[in-house]
Amino acid sequence: MKNYKRLLISATFITATLLFGCRRASSQANNPNTLKEAFKDDFFIGMALNIRQINKTDIATDSLISTQFNAITAENVMKAGLIHPSWGKFNFDAADKFVEYGKLNNMYIVGHTLIWHSQLPPFVQAITDVDSLRQFMELHIQTVAQRYSSSIDSWDVVNEALNEDGSLRESVFYKLLGEDYIVEAFKEAAKAVPNSTLYYNDYNIEQPQKRAGAIKLIKKLQEAGVRIDGVGIQGHWNIKNLPLNEIEESIIEYSKLGLKVAITELDLSVLPNPWDLEGADVNQQFEGGVEMNPYPDQLPDSVSRLLANNYEQLFRLFLKHRDKISRVTLWGVNDGHSWLNNWPIRGRTNYPLLFDRNNEPKEAFQRIIGIKNNSN
């Protein structure tokens, strides 16, 4: 009888353990713990890949990228200054490795960027002849885009062509070719990569004046019969003044034009903004004192919570408009990789992303994942 009771108790314990294990496994299956799994039915989750990551110099970071993300953007290696350093001479080594990285990890691959006024090779800035600049633009787009026509899913065809008031930036392209250079760029891209999606990409185009300029630009392309598939809102924002209303209005307005919207370069600065600087012009640099670098060693809990609140609000908004959004890309993997550590003031310590400098998930990451877990 005693043996029977022991067997009964043991069987009951084993059954309970198995049931608990099944429930736990079911709960884990329903509660994803990676970004790409959490948002797989909503939009791609991407990040910007730098040359060290392309070369896989850090195993931990490489593992984080392949585990968490399903889209990559070329941070710098496809910009003209690196890939086309002199007339007719191209350096595809890093770009080829970038594409191979994406293929190996079955990722959505974004080429950034074909035409941009910044980070140009010096010979382009020295061009004064209209025909020469047009030849450069055609050669550059045809050569670079066609090389990756079967590999790259999406291109930022023209990047940052607008001023803050919505007028066209007086870049070397605008000065010599006029406002139609954007139409020409998209025409060339459409010919070179008929199966890739084509985007216009810019910062602050959620702000009313600049948004109006972007809409005017997009309508001009559409009226000219030129293909444009989407618009990229860069998303370089600050936790002290996240423009949620403007972001939502912009997503809706761009969608009304028949375009997909991508959040292309997302990061949320936690540091003071010198002189209320607007935008994300990489050429702007300022001197800074101690007051401009308030968290050199670690981020206070109160600021970390504010960052998490901002990210949670943003992703709730993105999910609300998931039918309009194709991709959300963070501009870097972890805080140590962010360009904001050196812009617009060099040497600052910023904390704008979802993973800390040791690749550990921050509260902001947990909040975002929690949105999806709580909805299951």
Protein backbone atom coordinates (compact mmCIF):
# COMPACT_ATOMS: atom_id res chain seq x y z
CA MET A 1 0.00 0.00 0.00
CA LYS A 2 2.84 2.36 0.91
CA ASN A 3 4.58 1.62 -2.37
CA TYR A 4 1.34 2.28 -4.24
CA LYS A 5 0.98 5.68 -2.54
CA ARG A 6 4.57 6.54 -3.37
CA LEU A 7 4.00 5.63 -7.01
CA LEU A 8 0.81 7.68 -7.09
CA ILE A 9 2.52 10.74 -5.60
CA SER A 10 5.45 10.36 -8.00
CA ALA A 11 3.16 10.05 -11.01
CA THR A 12 1.20 13.11 -9.90
CA PHE A 13 4.43 15.12 -9.53
CA ILE A 14 5.69 14.07 -12.95
CA THR A 15 2.36 14.93 -14.56
CA ALA A 16 2.30 18.35 -12.89
CA THR A 17 5.89 19.02 -13.97
CA LEU A 18 5.14 18.09 -17.57
CA LEU A 19 2.02 20.26 -17.60
CA PHE A 20 3.96 23.20 -16.15
CA GLY A 21 6.69 22.70 -18.73
CA CYS A 22 4.18 22.60 -21.58
CA ARG A 23 2.45 25.74 -20.33
CA ARG A 24 5.77 27.51 -19.93
CA ALA A 25 6.87 26.49 -23.44
CA SER A 26 3.51 27.63 -24.80
CA SER A 27 3.84 30.95 -22.99
CA GLN A 28 7.37 31.45 -24.35
CA ALA A 29 6.17 30.59 -27.85
CA ASN A 30 3.41 33.17 -27.58
CA ASN A 31 5.69 35.78 -26.04
CA PRO A 32 8.53 36.48 -28.50
CA ASN A 33 11.79 37.80 -27.08
CA THR A 34 13.39 39.15 -30.26
CA LEU A 35 12.45 42.21 -32.27
CA LYS A 36 12.16 40.43 -35.58
CA GLU A 37 9.93 37.74 -34.10
CA ALA A 38 7.75 40.22 -32.22
CA PHE A 39 7.03 42.35 -35.28
CA LYS A 40 7.22 39.69 -38.01
CA ASP A 41 3.59 40.24 -38.99
CA ASP A 42 3.84 44.04 -38.87
CA PHE A 43 7.00 45.39 -40.53
CA PHE A 44 10.69 44.68 -40.96
CA ILE A 45 12.94 45.59 -38.03
CA GLY A 46 16.33 46.77 -39.23
CA MET A 47 19.59 48.39 -38.22
CA ALA A 48 22.48 50.21 -39.89
CA LEU A 49 25.53 48.04 -40.49
CA ASN A 50 29.00 49.61 -40.23
CA ILE A 51 32.24 48.28 -41.67
CA ARG A 52 33.35 46.51 -38.46
CA GLN A 53 30.05 44.68 -38.26
CA ILE A 54 30.17 43.79 -41.94
CA ASN A 55 33.60 42.24 -41.29
CA LYS A 56 32.27 40.43 -38.18
CA THR A 57 35.04 41.69 -35.92
CA ASP A 58 32.85 41.34 -32.82
CA ILE A 59 31.20 37.93 -32.37
CA ALA A 60 28.77 39.12 -29.67
CA THR A 61 27.51 42.02 -31.78
CA ASP A 62 27.23 39.80 -34.86
CA SER A 63 25.13 37.34 -32.89
CA LEU A 64 22.88 40.15 -31.63
CA ILE A 65 22.33 41.47 -35.17
CA SER A 66 21.36 38.10 -36.64
CA THR A 67 19.17 37.25 -33.63
CA GLN A 68 17.23 40.52 -33.33
CA PHE A 69 16.98 42.04 -36.82
CA ASN A 70 15.69 40.98 -40.23
CA ALA A 71 16.72 44.03 -42.27
CA ILE A 72 19.99 45.90 -42.75
CA THR A 73 20.94 49.27 -44.21
CA ALA A 74 24.42 50.21 -45.40
CA GLU A 75 25.47 52.93 -42.95
CA ASN A 76 28.36 54.29 -45.03
CA VAL A 77 29.84 51.73 -47.43
CA MET A 78 27.50 52.56 -50.32
CA LYS A 79 27.85 56.32 -50.15
CA ALA A 80 29.53 57.81 -53.21
CA GLY A 81 32.69 58.98 -51.45
CA LEU A 82 33.60 55.38 -50.57
CA ILE A 83 32.16 53.35 -53.41
CA HIS A 84 33.06 55.76 -56.28
CA PRO A 85 36.24 57.56 -55.15
CA SER A 86 37.35 58.76 -58.58
CA TRP A 87 35.73 59.14 -61.98
CA GLY A 88 34.76 55.74 -63.31
CA LYS A 89 36.70 53.93 -60.57
CA PHE A 90 34.61 51.93 -58.11
CA ASN A 91 35.46 50.15 -54.88
CA PHE A 92 32.86 47.44 -54.28
CA ASP A 93 34.70 45.34 -51.69
CA ALA A 94 32.86 46.56 -48.59
CA ALA A 95 29.51 46.85 -50.36
CA ASP A 96 29.81 43.29 -51.67
CA LYS A 97 30.46 42.05 -48.12
CA PHE A 98 27.47 44.02 -46.86
CA VAL A 99 25.19 42.37 -49.40
CA GLU A 100 26.64 38.95 -48.65
CA TYR A 101 25.99 39.53 -44.93
CA GLY A 102 22.34 40.20 -45.65
CA LYS A 103 21.97 37.17 -47.91
CA LEU A 104 23.66 34.87 -45.40
CA ASN A 105 21.21 35.96 -42.69
CA ASN A 106 18.15 36.03 -44.98
CA MET A 107 17.63 39.75 -44.41
CA TYR A 108 15.84 42.55 -46.26
CA ILE A 109 18.69 44.63 -47.75
CA VAL A 110 18.61 48.43 -48.12
CA GLY A 111 21.07 50.38 -50.27
CA HIS A 112 21.90 53.80 -48.84
CA THR A 113 22.23 56.03 -50.78
CA LEU A 114 22.55 56.74 -54.52
CA ILE A 115 22.37 60.55 -54.65
CA TRP A 116 23.33 62.69 -51.65
CA HIS A 117 24.99 66.08 -51.43
CA SER A 118 27.23 64.98 -48.54
CA GLN A 119 30.09 62.43 -48.41
CA LEU A 120 30.70 62.90 -52.12
CA PRO A 121 34.12 62.18 -53.64
CA PRO A 122 36.10 65.43 -54.01
CA PHE A 123 36.04 65.30 -57.81
CA VAL A 124 32.24 65.68 -57.83
CA GLN A 125 32.32 68.81 -55.68
CA ALA A 126 34.81 70.27 -58.16
CA ILE A 127 32.56 69.72 -61.21
CA THR A 128 31.32 72.96 -62.77
CA ASP A 129 30.00 71.62 -66.08
CA VAL A 130 26.32 70.59 -66.35
CA ASP A 131 26.93 67.70 -68.75
CA SER A 132 29.77 66.31 -66.64
CA LEU A 133 27.64 66.24 -63.50
CA ARG A 134 24.75 64.60 -65.34
CA GLN A 135 27.14 61.98 -66.74
CA PHE A 136 28.47 61.31 -63.25
CA MET A 137 24.97 60.87 -61.84
CA GLU A 138 23.90 58.50 -64.62
CA LEU A 139 27.13 56.50 -64.45
CA HIS A 140 26.99 56.26 -60.68
CA ILE A 141 23.37 55.10 -60.49
CA GLN A 142 23.64 52.68 -63.40
CA THR A 143 26.88 51.10 -62.19
CA VAL A 144 26.12 50.82 -58.48
CA ALA A 145 22.42 49.98 -58.64
CA GLN A 146 22.72 47.51 -61.51
CA ARG A 147 25.51 45.63 -59.76
CA TYR A 148 23.11 44.80 -56.93
CA SER A 149 19.89 44.66 -58.95
CA SER A 150 19.12 41.09 -57.88
CA SER A 151 20.32 41.53 -54.29
CA ILE A 152 19.16 44.83 -52.85
CA ASP A 153 15.47 45.03 -52.00
CA SER A 154 15.19 48.79 -51.54
CA TRP A 155 17.17 51.92 -52.42
CA ASP A 156 17.27 55.37 -50.87
CA VAL A 157 17.52 56.97 -54.30
CA VAL A 158 17.82 60.61 -53.18
CA ASN A 159 18.75 61.57 -49.65
CA GLU A 160 18.16 64.87 -47.83
CA ALA A 161 17.35 67.14 -50.77
CA LEU A 162 15.24 69.58 -48.72
CA ASN A 163 15.88 72.55 -46.43
CA GLU A 164 13.94 72.94 -43.18
CA ASP A 165 11.44 75.29 -44.85
CA GLY A 166 10.65 72.69 -47.52
CA SER A 167 12.62 74.38 -50.29
CA LEU A 168 15.22 72.45 -52.25
CA ARG A 169 18.71 72.40 -50.81
CA GLU A 170 21.27 74.26 -52.98
CA SER A 171 23.51 71.24 -53.41
CA VAL A 172 25.96 70.78 -56.27
CA PHE A 173 23.21 68.79 -58.05
CA TYR A 174 20.61 71.52 -57.65
CA LYS A 175 22.98 74.33 -58.64
CA LEU A 176 24.02 72.71 -61.91
CA LEU A 177 21.07 70.53 -62.89
CA GLY A 178 18.16 72.40 -61.33
CA GLU A 179 15.24 70.89 -59.44
CA ASP A 180 14.71 68.23 -62.11
CA TYR A 181 17.83 66.37 -60.94
CA ILE A 182 15.59 64.42 -58.54
CA VAL A 183 13.30 63.35 -61.37
CA GLU A 184 16.34 62.29 -63.39
CA ALA A 185 17.78 60.32 -60.46
CA PHE A 186 14.56 58.35 -59.94
CA LYS A 187 14.24 57.71 -63.68
CA GLU A 188 17.75 56.25 -63.78
CA ALA A 189 17.14 54.17 -60.66
CA ALA A 190 13.88 52.78 -62.04
CA LYS A 191 15.70 51.69 -65.20
CA ALA A 192 18.63 50.19 -63.30
CA VAL A 193 16.61 48.26 -60.69
CA PRO A 194 13.07 47.59 -61.93
CA ASN A 195 12.40 45.11 -59.12
CA SER A 196 13.70 47.13 -56.16
CA THR A 197 11.55 49.59 -54.20
CA LEU A 198 12.59 53.23 -54.54
CA TYR A 199 12.47 55.68 -51.64
CA TYR A 200 13.03 59.36 -50.98
CA ASN A 201 14.73 59.69 -47.57
CA ASP A 202 15.09 62.74 -45.31
CA TYR A 203 15.12 63.98 -41.72
CA ASN A 204 12.49 66.26 -40.16
CA ILE A 205 10.00 65.56 -42.94
CA GLU A 206 7.44 64.91 -40.24
CA GLN A 207 7.57 68.67 -39.47
CA PRO A 208 4.79 70.62 -41.27
CA GLN A 209 6.91 72.94 -43.44
CA LYS A 210 9.39 70.32 -44.52
CA ARG A 211 6.61 67.76 -44.94
CA ALA A 212 4.87 70.13 -47.35
CA GLY A 213 8.11 70.36 -49.35
CA ALA A 214 8.45 66.57 -49.41
CA ILE A 215 4.85 66.16 -50.58
CA LYS A 216 5.45 68.72 -53.34
CA LEU A 217 8.59 66.83 -54.40
CA ILE A 218 6.79 63.48 -54.42
CA LYS A 219 3.86 64.84 -56.43
CA LYS A 220 6.30 66.28 -58.96
CA LEU A 221 7.80 62.82 -59.43
CA GLN A 222 4.39 61.21 -59.75
CA GLU A 223 3.15 63.82 -62.22
CA ALA A 224 6.25 63.21 -64.33
CA GLY A 225 5.33 59.52 -64.45
CA VAL A 226 8.41 58.54 -62.47
CA ARG A 227 8.24 55.60 -60.10
CA ILE A 228 8.60 56.30 -56.40
CA ASP A 229 7.44 53.59 -53.99
CA GLY A 230 8.02 55.05 -50.58
CA VAL A 231 9.27 57.79 -48.31
CA GLY A 232 11.73 57.37 -45.48
CA ILE A 233 11.27 59.44 -42.31
CA GLN A 234 14.66 59.27 -40.67
CA GLY A 235 13.54 59.51 -37.05
CA HIS A 236 16.47 61.32 -35.43
CA TRP A 237 14.53 62.61 -32.42
CA ASN A 238 15.15 63.70 -28.83
CA ILE A 239 13.41 62.33 -25.74
CA LYS A 240 12.63 65.88 -24.57
CA ASN A 241 10.39 66.71 -27.52
CA LEU A 242 9.24 63.60 -29.40
CA PRO A 243 6.83 64.94 -32.09
CA LEU A 244 4.26 62.12 -31.94
CA ASN A 245 1.40 64.12 -33.47
CA GLU A 246 3.52 65.28 -36.40
CA ILE A 247 4.85 61.77 -36.97
CA GLU A 248 1.34 60.32 -37.11
CA GLU A 249 0.07 63.07 -39.41
CA SER A 250 3.01 62.50 -41.73
CA ILE A 251 2.54 58.74 -41.90
CA ILE A 252 -1.08 59.33 -42.89
CA GLU A 253 -0.32 62.10 -45.41
CA TYR A 254 2.47 60.19 -47.17
CA SER A 255 0.31 57.08 -47.27
CA LYS A 256 -2.44 59.07 -49.01
CA LEU A 257 0.02 59.58 -51.88
CA GLY A 258 0.05 55.83 -52.42
CA LEU A 259 3.45 55.38 -50.80
CA LYS A 260 4.77 53.05 -48.15
CA VAL A 261 6.39 54.77 -45.18
CA ALA A 262 9.65 53.59 -43.61
CA ILE A 263 11.20 54.84 -40.39
CA THR A 264 14.73 54.66 -41.68
CA GLU A 265 17.30 55.91 -39.17
CA LEU A 266 15.64 55.75 -35.76
CA ASP A 267 17.49 56.89 -32.64
CA LEU A 268 16.40 58.98 -29.65
CA SER A 269 19.06 61.27 -28.23
CA VAL A 270 19.03 61.74 -24.45
CA LEU A 271 21.49 64.64 -24.48
CA PRO A 272 20.97 68.41 -24.54
CA ASN A 273 20.41 69.87 -27.98
CA PRO A 274 22.92 72.71 -28.53
CA TRP A 275 21.24 75.96 -29.44
CA ASP A 276 17.98 74.14 -30.30
CA LEU A 277 19.61 72.66 -33.38
CA GLU A 278 17.14 71.31 -35.93
CA GLY A 279 17.78 68.39 -38.19
CA ALA A 280 20.56 65.86 -38.68
CA ASP A 281 23.00 67.57 -41.03
CA VAL A 282 26.24 65.63 -40.61
CA ASN A 283 28.25 68.69 -41.57
CA GLN A 284 27.14 70.63 -38.49
CA GLN A 285 29.60 70.50 -35.59
CA PHE A 286 29.75 72.49 -32.35
CA GLU A 287 32.01 72.89 -29.36
CA GLY A 288 30.63 71.57 -26.10
CA GLY A 289 31.36 71.83 -22.40
CA VAL A 290 30.53 69.61 -19.43
CA GLU A 291 26.90 70.70 -19.46
CA MET A 292 26.51 69.24 -22.95
CA ASN A 293 27.76 65.79 -21.81
CA PRO A 294 25.87 65.21 -18.55
CA TYR A 295 26.06 61.38 -18.48
CA PRO A 296 29.66 60.40 -19.28
CA ASP A 297 29.59 57.23 -17.15
CA GLN A 298 26.01 55.98 -17.00
CA LEU A 299 22.44 56.99 -17.66
CA PRO A 300 20.33 57.89 -14.61
CA ASP A 301 17.28 55.68 -14.03
CA SER A 302 14.92 58.62 -14.51
CA VAL A 303 16.33 59.33 -17.99
CA SER A 304 16.36 55.64 -18.86
CA ARG A 305 12.65 55.47 -18.02
CA LEU A 306 11.94 58.53 -20.14
CA LEU A 307 13.79 56.93 -23.06
CA ALA A 308 11.76 53.74 -22.57
CA ASN A 309 8.50 55.73 -22.43
CA ASN A 310 9.38 57.44 -25.71
CA TYR A 311 10.20 54.19 -27.49
CA GLU A 312 7.03 52.55 -26.21
CA GLN A 313 4.89 55.45 -27.44
CA LEU A 314 6.61 55.37 -30.81
CA PHE A 315 6.12 51.66 -31.37
CA ARG A 316 2.50 51.83 -30.26
CA LEU A 317 2.07 54.48 -32.95
CA PHE A 318 3.89 52.36 -35.54
CA LEU A 319 1.69 49.38 -34.73
CA LYS A 320 -1.41 51.53 -35.04
CA HIS A 321 -0.34 52.28 -38.63
CA ARG A 322 1.29 48.94 -39.46
CA ASP A 323 -0.68 48.81 -42.72
CA LYS A 324 1.20 51.90 -43.91
CA ILE A 325 4.70 51.15 -42.56
CA SER A 326 7.09 48.83 -44.38
CA ARG A 327 10.12 48.98 -42.10
CA VAL A 328 11.51 50.42 -38.87
CA THR A 329 15.31 50.69 -38.90
CA LEU A 330 17.43 51.73 -35.93
CA TRP A 331 20.57 53.68 -36.77
CA GLY A 332 23.05 51.38 -35.08
CA VAL A 333 23.15 48.18 -33.03
CA ASN A 334 24.08 49.41 -29.55
CA ASP A 335 24.75 52.73 -27.85
CA GLY A 336 28.48 52.49 -28.45
CA HIS A 337 27.97 52.28 -32.21
CA SER A 338 25.75 55.36 -32.49
CA TRP A 339 26.86 58.32 -34.58
CA LEU A 340 25.27 60.54 -31.92
CA ASN A 341 28.29 60.04 -29.68
CA ASN A 342 30.11 62.39 -32.05
CA TRP A 343 27.34 64.57 -33.49
CA PRO A 344 26.78 67.48 -33.28
CA ILE A 345 29.46 67.62 -30.56
CA ARG A 346 32.39 65.23 -30.64
CA GLY A 347 33.20 62.98 -27.70
CA ARG A 348 29.85 62.91 -25.95
CA THR A 349 28.35 59.77 -24.43
CA ASN A 350 24.87 59.16 -25.77
CA TYR A 351 22.40 56.34 -25.11
CA PRO A 352 19.91 56.48 -28.01
CA LEU A 353 19.31 52.83 -28.93
CA LEU A 354 17.69 49.68 -27.52
CA PHE A 355 20.89 47.88 -26.46
CA ASP A 356 23.63 49.22 -24.18
CA ARG A 357 27.35 49.22 -24.88
CA ASN A 358 27.60 45.59 -23.72
CA ASN A 359 24.82 44.51 -26.09
CA GLU A 360 22.45 44.06 -23.15
CA PRO A 361 18.78 44.92 -23.76
CA LYS A 362 17.66 48.13 -22.09
CA GLU A 363 14.32 48.95 -20.49
CA ALA A 364 13.29 50.51 -23.82
CA PHE A 365 13.73 47.11 -25.50
CA GLN A 366 11.68 45.38 -22.82
CA ARG A 367 8.88 47.92 -23.20
CA ILE A 368 8.71 47.41 -26.96
CA ILE A 369 8.67 43.63 -26.67
CA GLY A 370 6.12 43.98 -23.89
CA ILE A 371 3.67 45.72 -26.22
CA LYS A 372 3.47 42.57 -28.34
CA ASN A 373 3.61 40.12 -25.43
CA ASN A 374 0.73 41.87 -23.64
CA SER A 375 -1.38 41.78 -26.80
CA ASN A 376 -1.07 37.99 -27.16
